[in-house]
Amino acid sequence: PRRCQRQRWGVMSDETKPEVDAINLKVASQDGNDIYFKCKKTTPLAKLMNAYCQRQGLALGSVRFLFDGIRLTQHQTPGELDMEDGDVIDVMVEQEGGC
């Protein structure tokens, strides 16, 4: 006997298509070494921060990430901060000590 196999064809209209709300962010360092990241507006910034530090060989605790002059925390998301495609996050290496 022949078996019939059902196939489901997923035809999606524009209304049901999941919205991929990803934006491109530039992480700009003091030395001019910029790195670009693509992330969803709902992804916590911890992922971007950890990836940046890993690529640069830095400890997460040794740098500060700023957006519009405000220090960012790991639990914040681009959506919460109203970040848009092409926005720039500044990264500063924290200095220790002094005279």
PDB file of N, CA and C in Angstrom:
ATOM      1  N   PRO A   1       0.820  -1.191   0.000  1.00  0.00           N
ATOM      2  CA  PRO A   1       0.000   0.000   0.000  1.00  0.00           C
ATOM      3  C   PRO A   1       0.864   1.255   0.000  1.00  0.00           C
ATOM      4  N   ARG A   2       0.351   2.220  -0.609  1.00  0.00           N
ATOM      5  CA  ARG A   2       1.062   3.485  -0.742  1.00  0.00           C
ATOM      6  C   ARG A   2       0.711   4.426   0.411  1.00  0.00           C
ATOM      7  N   ARG A   3       1.689   5.011   0.963  1.00  0.00           N
ATOM      8  CA  ARG A   3       1.454   5.946   2.061  1.00  0.00           C
ATOM      9  C   ARG A   3       1.423   7.368   1.533  1.00  0.00           C
ATOM     10  N   CYS A   4       0.479   8.094   1.999  1.00  0.00           N
ATOM     11  CA  CYS A   4       0.395   9.509   1.641  1.00  0.00           C
ATOM     12  C   CYS A   4       1.107  10.322   2.708  1.00  0.00           C
ATOM     13  N   GLN A   5       1.929  11.180   2.282  1.00  0.00           N
ATOM     14  CA  GLN A   5       2.595  12.059   3.222  1.00  0.00           C
ATOM     15  C   GLN A   5       2.028  13.455   3.064  1.00  0.00           C
ATOM     16  N   ARG A   6       1.721  14.012   4.177  1.00  0.00           N
ATOM     17  CA  ARG A   6       1.227  15.386   4.159  1.00  0.00           C
ATOM     18  C   ARG A   6       2.401  16.337   4.242  1.00  0.00           C
ATOM     19  N   GLN A   7       2.336  17.338   3.481  1.00  0.00           N
ATOM     20  CA  GLN A   7       3.347  18.385   3.574  1.00  0.00           C
ATOM     21  C   GLN A   7       2.648  19.688   3.885  1.00  0.00           C
ATOM     22  N   ARG A   8       3.230  20.403   4.749  1.00  0.00           N
ATOM     23  CA  ARG A   8       2.687  21.712   5.069  1.00  0.00           C
ATOM     24  C   ARG A   8       3.539  22.762   4.378  1.00  0.00           C
ATOM     25  N   TRP A   9       2.886  23.556   3.607  1.00  0.00           N
ATOM     26  CA  TRP A   9       3.582  24.628   2.925  1.00  0.00           C
ATOM     27  C   TRP A   9       3.320  25.910   3.702  1.00  0.00           C
ATOM     28  N   GLY A  10       4.351  26.445   4.247  1.00  0.00           N
ATOM     29  CA  GLY A  10       4.200  27.662   5.057  1.00  0.00           C
ATOM     30  C   GLY A  10       4.205  28.890   4.188  1.00  0.00           C
ATOM     31  N   VAL A  11       3.039  29.320   3.825  1.00  0.00           N
ATOM     32  CA  VAL A  11       2.925  30.556   3.069  1.00  0.00           C
ATOM     33  C   VAL A  11       2.590  31.646   4.071  1.00  0.00           C
ATOM     34  N   MET A  12       3.452  32.625   4.123  1.00  0.00           N
ATOM     35  CA  MET A  12       3.265  33.679   5.112  1.00  0.00           C
ATOM     36  C   MET A  12       2.982  34.996   4.401  1.00  0.00           C
ATOM     37  N   SER A  13       1.986  35.668   4.857  1.00  0.00           N
ATOM     38  CA  SER A  13       1.723  37.002   4.331  1.00  0.00           C
ATOM     39  C   SER A  13       2.597  37.982   5.093  1.00  0.00           C
ATOM     40  N   ASP A  14       2.589  39.219   4.668  1.00  0.00           N
ATOM     41  CA  ASP A  14       3.375  40.236   5.354  1.00  0.00           C
ATOM     42  C   ASP A  14       2.912  40.427   6.794  1.00  0.00           C
ATOM     43  N   GLU A  15       1.654  40.175   7.049  1.00  0.00           N
ATOM     44  CA  GLU A  15       1.111  40.388   8.388  1.00  0.00           C
ATOM     45  C   GLU A  15       1.585  39.331   9.383  1.00  0.00           C
ATOM     46  N   THR A  16       1.808  38.105   8.915  1.00  0.00           N
ATOM     47  CA  THR A  16       2.186  37.038   9.836  1.00  0.00           C
ATOM     48  C   THR A  16       3.698  36.792   9.859  1.00  0.00           C
ATOM     49  N   LYS A  17       4.430  37.451   9.007  1.00  0.00           N
ATOM     50  CA  LYS A  17       5.875  37.250   8.957  1.00  0.00           C
ATOM     51  C   LYS A  17       6.499  37.798  10.245  1.00  0.00           C
ATOM     52  N   PRO A  18       7.313  36.984  10.921  1.00  0.00           N
ATOM     53  CA  PRO A  18       7.921  37.494  12.152  1.00  0.00           C
ATOM     54  C   PRO A  18       8.858  38.654  11.831  1.00  0.00           C
ATOM     55  N   GLU A  19       8.771  39.687  12.605  1.00  0.00           N
ATOM     56  CA  GLU A  19       9.594  40.864  12.368  1.00  0.00           C
ATOM     57  C   GLU A  19      10.975  40.655  12.980  1.00  0.00           C
ATOM     58  N   VAL A  20      11.975  40.693  12.140  1.00  0.00           N
ATOM     59  CA  VAL A  20      13.340  40.581  12.629  1.00  0.00           C
ATOM     60  C   VAL A  20      13.791  41.996  12.920  1.00  0.00           C
ATOM     61  N   ASP A  21      13.817  42.322  14.185  1.00  0.00           N
ATOM     62  CA  ASP A  21      14.080  43.689  14.592  1.00  0.00           C
ATOM     63  C   ASP A  21      15.548  43.832  14.967  1.00  0.00           C
ATOM     64  N   ALA A  22      16.423  43.560  14.010  1.00  0.00           N
ATOM     65  CA  ALA A  22      17.858  43.632  14.277  1.00  0.00           C
ATOM     66  C   ALA A  22      18.404  44.971  13.786  1.00  0.00           C
ATOM     67  N   ILE A  23      19.356  45.480  14.535  1.00  0.00           N
ATOM     68  CA  ILE A  23      19.998  46.732  14.154  1.00  0.00           C
ATOM     69  C   ILE A  23      21.504  46.545  14.171  1.00  0.00           C
ATOM     70  N   ASN A  24      22.195  47.401  13.441  1.00  0.00           N
ATOM     71  CA  ASN A  24      23.652  47.393  13.416  1.00  0.00           C
ATOM     72  C   ASN A  24      24.149  48.495  14.340  1.00  0.00           C
ATOM     73  N   LEU A  25      25.033  48.123  15.247  1.00  0.00           N
ATOM     74  CA  LEU A  25      25.598  49.071  16.191  1.00  0.00           C
ATOM     75  C   LEU A  25      27.115  49.111  16.025  1.00  0.00           C
ATOM     76  N   LYS A  26      27.661  50.299  16.151  1.00  0.00           N
ATOM     77  CA  LYS A  26      29.108  50.476  16.061  1.00  0.00           C
ATOM     78  C   LYS A  26      29.635  50.706  17.474  1.00  0.00           C
ATOM     79  N   VAL A  27      30.624  49.919  17.859  1.00  0.00           N
ATOM     80  CA  VAL A  27      31.290  50.115  19.144  1.00  0.00           C
ATOM     81  C   VAL A  27      32.616  50.797  18.837  1.00  0.00           C
ATOM     82  N   ALA A  28      32.724  52.051  19.278  1.00  0.00           N
ATOM     83  CA  ALA A  28      33.885  52.886  18.958  1.00  0.00           C
ATOM     84  C   ALA A  28      34.783  53.028  20.173  1.00  0.00           C
ATOM     85  N   SER A  29      36.047  52.665  19.997  1.00  0.00           N
ATOM     86  CA  SER A  29      36.995  52.770  21.105  1.00  0.00           C
ATOM     87  C   SER A  29      37.831  54.042  20.970  1.00  0.00           C
ATOM     88  N   GLN A  30      38.547  54.361  22.038  1.00  0.00           N
ATOM     89  CA  GLN A  30      39.369  55.567  22.067  1.00  0.00           C
ATOM     90  C   GLN A  30      40.503  55.518  21.056  1.00  0.00           C
ATOM     91  N   ASP A  31      40.960  54.316  20.721  1.00  0.00           N
ATOM     92  CA  ASP A  31      42.087  54.190  19.789  1.00  0.00           C
ATOM     93  C   ASP A  31      41.646  54.120  18.331  1.00  0.00           C
ATOM     94  N   GLY A  32      40.361  54.316  18.076  1.00  0.00           N
ATOM     95  CA  GLY A  32      39.856  54.320  16.704  1.00  0.00           C
ATOM     96  C   GLY A  32      39.582  52.944  16.141  1.00  0.00           C
ATOM     97  N   ASN A  33      39.691  51.909  16.963  1.00  0.00           N
ATOM     98  CA  ASN A  33      39.443  50.543  16.518  1.00  0.00           C
ATOM     99  C   ASN A  33      37.950  50.235  16.692  1.00  0.00           C
ATOM    100  N   ASP A  34      37.172  50.464  15.658  1.00  0.00           N
ATOM    101  CA  ASP A  34      35.723  50.299  15.722  1.00  0.00           C
ATOM    102  C   ASP A  34      35.315  48.890  15.318  1.00  0.00           C
ATOM    103  N   ILE A  35      34.330  48.354  16.000  1.00  0.00           N
ATOM    104  CA  ILE A  35      33.799  47.031  15.678  1.00  0.00           C
ATOM    105  C   ILE A  35      32.289  47.170  15.526  1.00  0.00           C
ATOM    106  N   TYR A  36      31.754  46.517  14.513  1.00  0.00           N
ATOM    107  CA  TYR A  36      30.320  46.570  14.242  1.00  0.00           C
ATOM    108  C   TYR A  36      29.647  45.285  14.700  1.00  0.00           C
ATOM    109  N   PHE A  37      28.487  45.443  15.302  1.00  0.00           N
ATOM    110  CA  PHE A  37      27.707  44.307  15.772  1.00  0.00           C
ATOM    111  C   PHE A  37      26.289  44.424  15.250  1.00  0.00           C
ATOM    112  N   LYS A  38      25.712  43.284  14.937  1.00  0.00           N
ATOM    113  CA  LYS A  38      24.302  43.228  14.576  1.00  0.00           C
ATOM    114  C   LYS A  38      23.586  42.495  15.697  1.00  0.00           C
ATOM    115  N   CYS A  39      22.577  43.124  16.255  1.00  0.00           N
ATOM    116  CA  CYS A  39      21.867  42.484  17.354  1.00  0.00           C
ATOM    117  C   CYS A  39      20.392  42.879  17.334  1.00  0.00           C
ATOM    118  N   LYS A  40      19.603  42.053  17.980  1.00  0.00           N
ATOM    119  CA  LYS A  40      18.175  42.335  18.088  1.00  0.00           C
ATOM    120  C   LYS A  40      17.961  43.399  19.151  1.00  0.00           C
ATOM    121  N   LYS A  41      16.872  44.142  19.002  1.00  0.00           N
ATOM    122  CA  LYS A  41      16.569  45.191  19.976  1.00  0.00           C
ATOM    123  C   LYS A  41      16.202  44.622  21.341  1.00  0.00           C
ATOM    124  N   THR A  42      15.902  43.321  21.385  1.00  0.00           N
ATOM    125  CA  THR A  42      15.502  42.689  22.644  1.00  0.00           C
ATOM    126  C   THR A  42      16.644  41.944  23.327  1.00  0.00           C
ATOM    127  N   THR A  43      17.812  41.895  22.698  1.00  0.00           N
ATOM    128  CA  THR A  43      18.954  41.175  23.266  1.00  0.00           C
ATOM    129  C   THR A  43      19.660  42.031  24.308  1.00  0.00           C
ATOM    130  N   PRO A  44      19.873  41.501  25.514  1.00  0.00           N
ATOM    131  CA  PRO A  44      20.598  42.276  26.519  1.00  0.00           C
ATOM    132  C   PRO A  44      21.991  42.663  26.007  1.00  0.00           C
ATOM    133  N   LEU A  45      22.426  43.867  26.360  1.00  0.00           N
ATOM    134  CA  LEU A  45      23.717  44.363  25.889  1.00  0.00           C
ATOM    135  C   LEU A  45      24.895  43.565  26.414  1.00  0.00           C
ATOM    136  N   ALA A  46      24.663  42.714  27.413  1.00  0.00           N
ATOM    137  CA  ALA A  46      25.733  41.869  27.944  1.00  0.00           C
ATOM    138  C   ALA A  46      26.378  41.050  26.829  1.00  0.00           C
ATOM    139  N   LYS A  47      25.571  40.586  25.892  1.00  0.00           N
ATOM    140  CA  LYS A  47      26.093  39.761  24.796  1.00  0.00           C
ATOM    141  C   LYS A  47      27.075  40.557  23.930  1.00  0.00           C
ATOM    142  N   LEU A  48      26.701  41.783  23.588  1.00  0.00           N
ATOM    143  CA  LEU A  48      27.570  42.652  22.793  1.00  0.00           C
ATOM    144  C   LEU A  48      28.824  43.017  23.587  1.00  0.00           C
ATOM    145  N   MET A  49      28.656  43.357  24.854  1.00  0.00           N
ATOM    146  CA  MET A  49      29.786  43.752  25.692  1.00  0.00           C
ATOM    147  C   MET A  49      30.801  42.622  25.844  1.00  0.00           C
ATOM    148  N   ASN A  50      30.301  41.428  26.109  1.00  0.00           N
ATOM    149  CA  ASN A  50      31.196  40.276  26.263  1.00  0.00           C
ATOM    150  C   ASN A  50      31.912  39.951  24.959  1.00  0.00           C
ATOM    151  N   ALA A  51      31.190  40.032  23.838  1.00  0.00           N
ATOM    152  CA  ALA A  51      31.800  39.747  22.538  1.00  0.00           C
ATOM    153  C   ALA A  51      32.884  40.774  22.222  1.00  0.00           C
ATOM    154  N   TYR A  52      32.616  42.033  22.507  1.00  0.00           N
ATOM    155  CA  TYR A  52      33.609  43.076  22.256  1.00  0.00           C
ATOM    156  C   TYR A  52      34.873  42.819  23.079  1.00  0.00           C
ATOM    157  N   CYS A  53      34.694  42.574  24.369  1.00  0.00           N
ATOM    158  CA  CYS A  53      35.845  42.353  25.247  1.00  0.00           C
ATOM    159  C   CYS A  53      36.647  41.125  24.832  1.00  0.00           C
ATOM    160  N   GLN A  54      35.938  40.092  24.418  1.00  0.00           N
ATOM    161  CA  GLN A  54      36.617  38.872  23.985  1.00  0.00           C
ATOM    162  C   GLN A  54      37.459  39.145  22.736  1.00  0.00           C
ATOM    163  N   ARG A  55      36.897  39.868  21.783  1.00  0.00           N
ATOM    164  CA  ARG A  55      37.636  40.178  20.545  1.00  0.00           C
ATOM    165  C   ARG A  55      38.838  41.067  20.810  1.00  0.00           C
ATOM    166  N   GLN A  56      38.719  41.956  21.788  1.00  0.00           N
ATOM    167  CA  GLN A  56      39.790  42.905  22.072  1.00  0.00           C
ATOM    168  C   GLN A  56      40.768  42.412  23.141  1.00  0.00           C
ATOM    169  N   GLY A  57      40.467  41.268  23.760  1.00  0.00           N
ATOM    170  CA  GLY A  57      41.330  40.737  24.803  1.00  0.00           C
ATOM    171  C   GLY A  57      41.282  41.570  26.075  1.00  0.00           C
ATOM    172  N   LEU A  58      40.103  42.115  26.376  1.00  0.00           N
ATOM    173  CA  LEU A  58      39.929  42.960  27.551  1.00  0.00           C
ATOM    174  C   LEU A  58      39.029  42.280  28.573  1.00  0.00           C
ATOM    175  N   ALA A  59      39.221  42.634  29.828  1.00  0.00           N
ATOM    176  CA  ALA A  59      38.317  42.156  30.877  1.00  0.00           C
ATOM    177  C   ALA A  59      37.097  43.074  30.888  1.00  0.00           C
ATOM    178  N   LEU A  60      35.927  42.486  31.047  1.00  0.00           N
ATOM    179  CA  LEU A  60      34.692  43.265  31.038  1.00  0.00           C
ATOM    180  C   LEU A  60      34.710  44.363  32.103  1.00  0.00           C
ATOM    181  N   GLY A  61      35.302  44.079  33.242  1.00  0.00           N
ATOM    182  CA  GLY A  61      35.359  45.063  34.314  1.00  0.00           C
ATOM    183  C   GLY A  61      36.315  46.213  34.065  1.00  0.00           C
ATOM    184  N   SER A  62      37.123  46.109  33.019  1.00  0.00           N
ATOM    185  CA  SER A  62      38.123  47.156  32.760  1.00  0.00           C
ATOM    186  C   SER A  62      37.648  48.205  31.752  1.00  0.00           C
ATOM    187  N   VAL A  63      36.438  48.057  31.240  1.00  0.00           N
ATOM    188  CA  VAL A  63      35.929  49.012  30.250  1.00  0.00           C
ATOM    189  C   VAL A  63      34.532  49.498  30.636  1.00  0.00           C
ATOM    190  N   ARG A  64      34.190  50.669  30.103  1.00  0.00           N
ATOM    191  CA  ARG A  64      32.859  51.247  30.273  1.00  0.00           C
ATOM    192  C   ARG A  64      32.255  51.447  28.896  1.00  0.00           C
ATOM    193  N   PHE A  65      30.990  51.134  28.767  1.00  0.00           N
ATOM    194  CA  PHE A  65      30.268  51.346  27.522  1.00  0.00           C
ATOM    195  C   PHE A  65      29.296  52.501  27.726  1.00  0.00           C
ATOM    196  N   LEU A  66      29.328  53.467  26.815  1.00  0.00           N
ATOM    197  CA  LEU A  66      28.490  54.657  26.927  1.00  0.00           C
ATOM    198  C   LEU A  66      27.652  54.852  25.666  1.00  0.00           C
ATOM    199  N   PHE A  67      26.424  55.278  25.868  1.00  0.00           N
ATOM    200  CA  PHE A  67      25.556  55.638  24.745  1.00  0.00           C
ATOM    201  C   PHE A  67      24.963  56.999  25.052  1.00  0.00           C
ATOM    202  N   ASP A  68      25.225  57.951  24.177  1.00  0.00           N
ATOM    203  CA  ASP A  68      24.807  59.339  24.406  1.00  0.00           C
ATOM    204  C   ASP A  68      25.306  59.848  25.763  1.00  0.00           C
ATOM    205  N   GLY A  69      26.524  59.430  26.135  1.00  0.00           N
ATOM    206  CA  GLY A  69      27.139  59.894  27.370  1.00  0.00           C
ATOM    207  C   GLY A  69      26.665  59.188  28.630  1.00  0.00           C
ATOM    208  N   ILE A  70      25.745  58.246  28.492  1.00  0.00           N
ATOM    209  CA  ILE A  70      25.208  57.531  29.655  1.00  0.00           C
ATOM    210  C   ILE A  70      25.822  56.141  29.715  1.00  0.00           C
ATOM    211  N   ARG A  71      26.289  55.773  30.910  1.00  0.00           N
ATOM    212  CA  ARG A  71      26.906  54.460  31.087  1.00  0.00           C
ATOM    213  C   ARG A  71      25.862  53.356  30.933  1.00  0.00           C
ATOM    214  N   LEU A  72      26.199  52.338  30.159  1.00  0.00           N
ATOM    215  CA  LEU A  72      25.286  51.221  29.903  1.00  0.00           C
ATOM    216  C   LEU A  72      25.514  50.106  30.906  1.00  0.00           C
ATOM    217  N   THR A  73      24.449  49.370  31.188  1.00  0.00           N
ATOM    218  CA  THR A  73      24.549  48.188  32.033  1.00  0.00           C
ATOM    219  C   THR A  73      24.255  46.959  31.185  1.00  0.00           C
ATOM    220  N   GLN A  74      24.674  45.818  31.687  1.00  0.00           N
ATOM    221  CA  GLN A  74      24.559  44.579  30.916  1.00  0.00           C
ATOM    222  C   GLN A  74      23.124  44.145  30.681  1.00  0.00           C
ATOM    223  N   HIS A  75      22.221  44.496  31.579  1.00  0.00           N
ATOM    224  CA  HIS A  75      20.846  44.019  31.442  1.00  0.00           C
ATOM    225  C   HIS A  75      19.999  44.881  30.508  1.00  0.00           C
ATOM    226  N   GLN A  76      20.491  46.052  30.133  1.00  0.00           N
ATOM    227  CA  GLN A  76      19.731  46.915  29.227  1.00  0.00           C
ATOM    228  C   GLN A  76      19.700  46.325  27.823  1.00  0.00           C
ATOM    229  N   THR A  77      18.690  46.704  27.047  1.00  0.00           N
ATOM    230  CA  THR A  77      18.581  46.260  25.657  1.00  0.00           C
ATOM    231  C   THR A  77      18.566  47.479  24.739  1.00  0.00           C
ATOM    232  N   PRO A  78      18.939  47.296  23.472  1.00  0.00           N
ATOM    233  CA  PRO A  78      18.869  48.419  22.531  1.00  0.00           C
ATOM    234  C   PRO A  78      17.458  49.009  22.427  1.00  0.00           C
ATOM    235  N   GLY A  79      16.444  48.167  22.531  1.00  0.00           N
ATOM    236  CA  GLY A  79      15.067  48.657  22.459  1.00  0.00           C
ATOM    237  C   GLY A  79      14.721  49.579  23.611  1.00  0.00           C
ATOM    238  N   GLU A  80      15.155  49.219  24.811  1.00  0.00           N
ATOM    239  CA  GLU A  80      14.894  50.053  25.990  1.00  0.00           C
ATOM    240  C   GLU A  80      15.533  51.425  25.847  1.00  0.00           C
ATOM    241  N   LEU A  81      16.665  51.477  25.158  1.00  0.00           N
ATOM    242  CA  LEU A  81      17.420  52.718  25.018  1.00  0.00           C
ATOM    243  C   LEU A  81      17.071  53.468  23.734  1.00  0.00           C
ATOM    244  N   ASP A  82      16.079  52.980  23.002  1.00  0.00           N
ATOM    245  CA  ASP A  82      15.661  53.583  21.725  1.00  0.00           C
ATOM    246  C   ASP A  82      16.820  53.693  20.735  1.00  0.00           C
ATOM    247  N   MET A  83      17.691  52.690  20.740  1.00  0.00           N
ATOM    248  CA  MET A  83      18.787  52.681  19.778  1.00  0.00           C
ATOM    249  C   MET A  83      18.236  52.385  18.394  1.00  0.00           C
ATOM    250  N   GLU A  84      18.887  52.972  17.408  1.00  0.00           N
ATOM    251  CA  GLU A  84      18.482  52.777  16.021  1.00  0.00           C
ATOM    252  C   GLU A  84      19.656  52.236  15.227  1.00  0.00           C
ATOM    253  N   ASP A  85      19.355  51.734  14.050  1.00  0.00           N
ATOM    254  CA  ASP A  85      20.378  51.197  13.168  1.00  0.00           C
ATOM    255  C   ASP A  85      21.458  52.258  12.927  1.00  0.00           C
ATOM    256  N   GLY A  86      22.710  51.889  13.133  1.00  0.00           N
ATOM    257  CA  GLY A  86      23.821  52.805  12.894  1.00  0.00           C
ATOM    258  C   GLY A  86      24.266  53.598  14.113  1.00  0.00           C
ATOM    259  N   ASP A  87      23.588  53.427  15.243  1.00  0.00           N
ATOM    260  CA  ASP A  87      23.981  54.155  16.447  1.00  0.00           C
ATOM    261  C   ASP A  87      25.367  53.711  16.918  1.00  0.00           C
ATOM    262  N   VAL A  88      26.007  54.595  17.676  1.00  0.00           N
ATOM    263  CA  VAL A  88      27.374  54.350  18.135  1.00  0.00           C
ATOM    264  C   VAL A  88      27.400  54.213  19.656  1.00  0.00           C
ATOM    265  N   ILE A  89      28.059  53.161  20.116  1.00  0.00           N
ATOM    266  CA  ILE A  89      28.333  52.959  21.543  1.00  0.00           C
ATOM    267  C   ILE A  89      29.818  53.241  21.738  1.00  0.00           C
ATOM    268  N   ASP A  90      30.119  54.144  22.641  1.00  0.00           N
ATOM    269  CA  ASP A  90      31.521  54.459  22.934  1.00  0.00           C
ATOM    270  C   ASP A  90      32.016  53.536  24.034  1.00  0.00           C
ATOM    271  N   VAL A  91      33.270  53.102  23.897  1.00  0.00           N
ATOM    272  CA  VAL A  91      33.861  52.256  24.935  1.00  0.00           C
ATOM    273  C   VAL A  91      35.113  52.948  25.459  1.00  0.00           C
ATOM    274  N   MET A  92      35.191  53.027  26.769  1.00  0.00           N
ATOM    275  CA  MET A  92      36.317  53.686  27.432  1.00  0.00           C
ATOM    276  C   MET A  92      37.012  52.685  28.346  1.00  0.00           C
ATOM    277  N   VAL A  93      38.333  52.660  28.279  1.00  0.00           N
ATOM    278  CA  VAL A  93      39.101  51.814  29.176  1.00  0.00           C
ATOM    279  C   VAL A  93      39.253  52.574  30.484  1.00  0.00           C
ATOM    280  N   GLU A  94      38.839  51.929  31.573  1.00  0.00           N
ATOM    281  CA  GLU A  94      38.923  52.579  32.881  1.00  0.00           C
ATOM    282  C   GLU A  94      40.375  52.680  33.305  1.00  0.00           C
ATOM    283  N   GLN A  95      40.724  53.834  33.819  1.00  0.00           N
ATOM    284  CA  GLN A  95      42.092  54.052  34.263  1.00  0.00           C
ATOM    285  C   GLN A  95      42.181  53.849  35.768  1.00  0.00           C
ATOM    286  N   GLU A  96      43.257  53.212  36.160  1.00  0.00           N
ATOM    287  CA  GLU A  96      43.467  52.967  37.588  1.00  0.00           C
ATOM    288  C   GLU A  96      44.635  53.795  38.080  1.00  0.00           C
ATOM    289  N   GLY A  97      44.560  54.111  39.331  1.00  0.00           N
ATOM    290  CA  GLY A  97      45.692  54.780  39.957  1.00  0.00           C
ATOM    291  C   GLY A  97      45.800  56.241  39.587  1.00  0.00           C
ATOM    292  N   GLY A  98      46.954  56.761  39.727  1.00  0.00           N
ATOM    293  CA  GLY A  98      47.216  58.166  39.456  1.00  0.00           C
ATOM    294  C   GLY A  98      48.288  58.664  40.407  1.00  0.00           C
ATOM    295  N   CYS A  99      48.582  59.926  40.314  1.00  0.00           N
ATOM    296  CA  CYS A  99      49.630  60.510  41.167  1.00  0.00           C
ATOM    297  C   CYS A  99      49.065  60.981  42.470  1.00  0.00           C
TER     298      CYS A  99
END
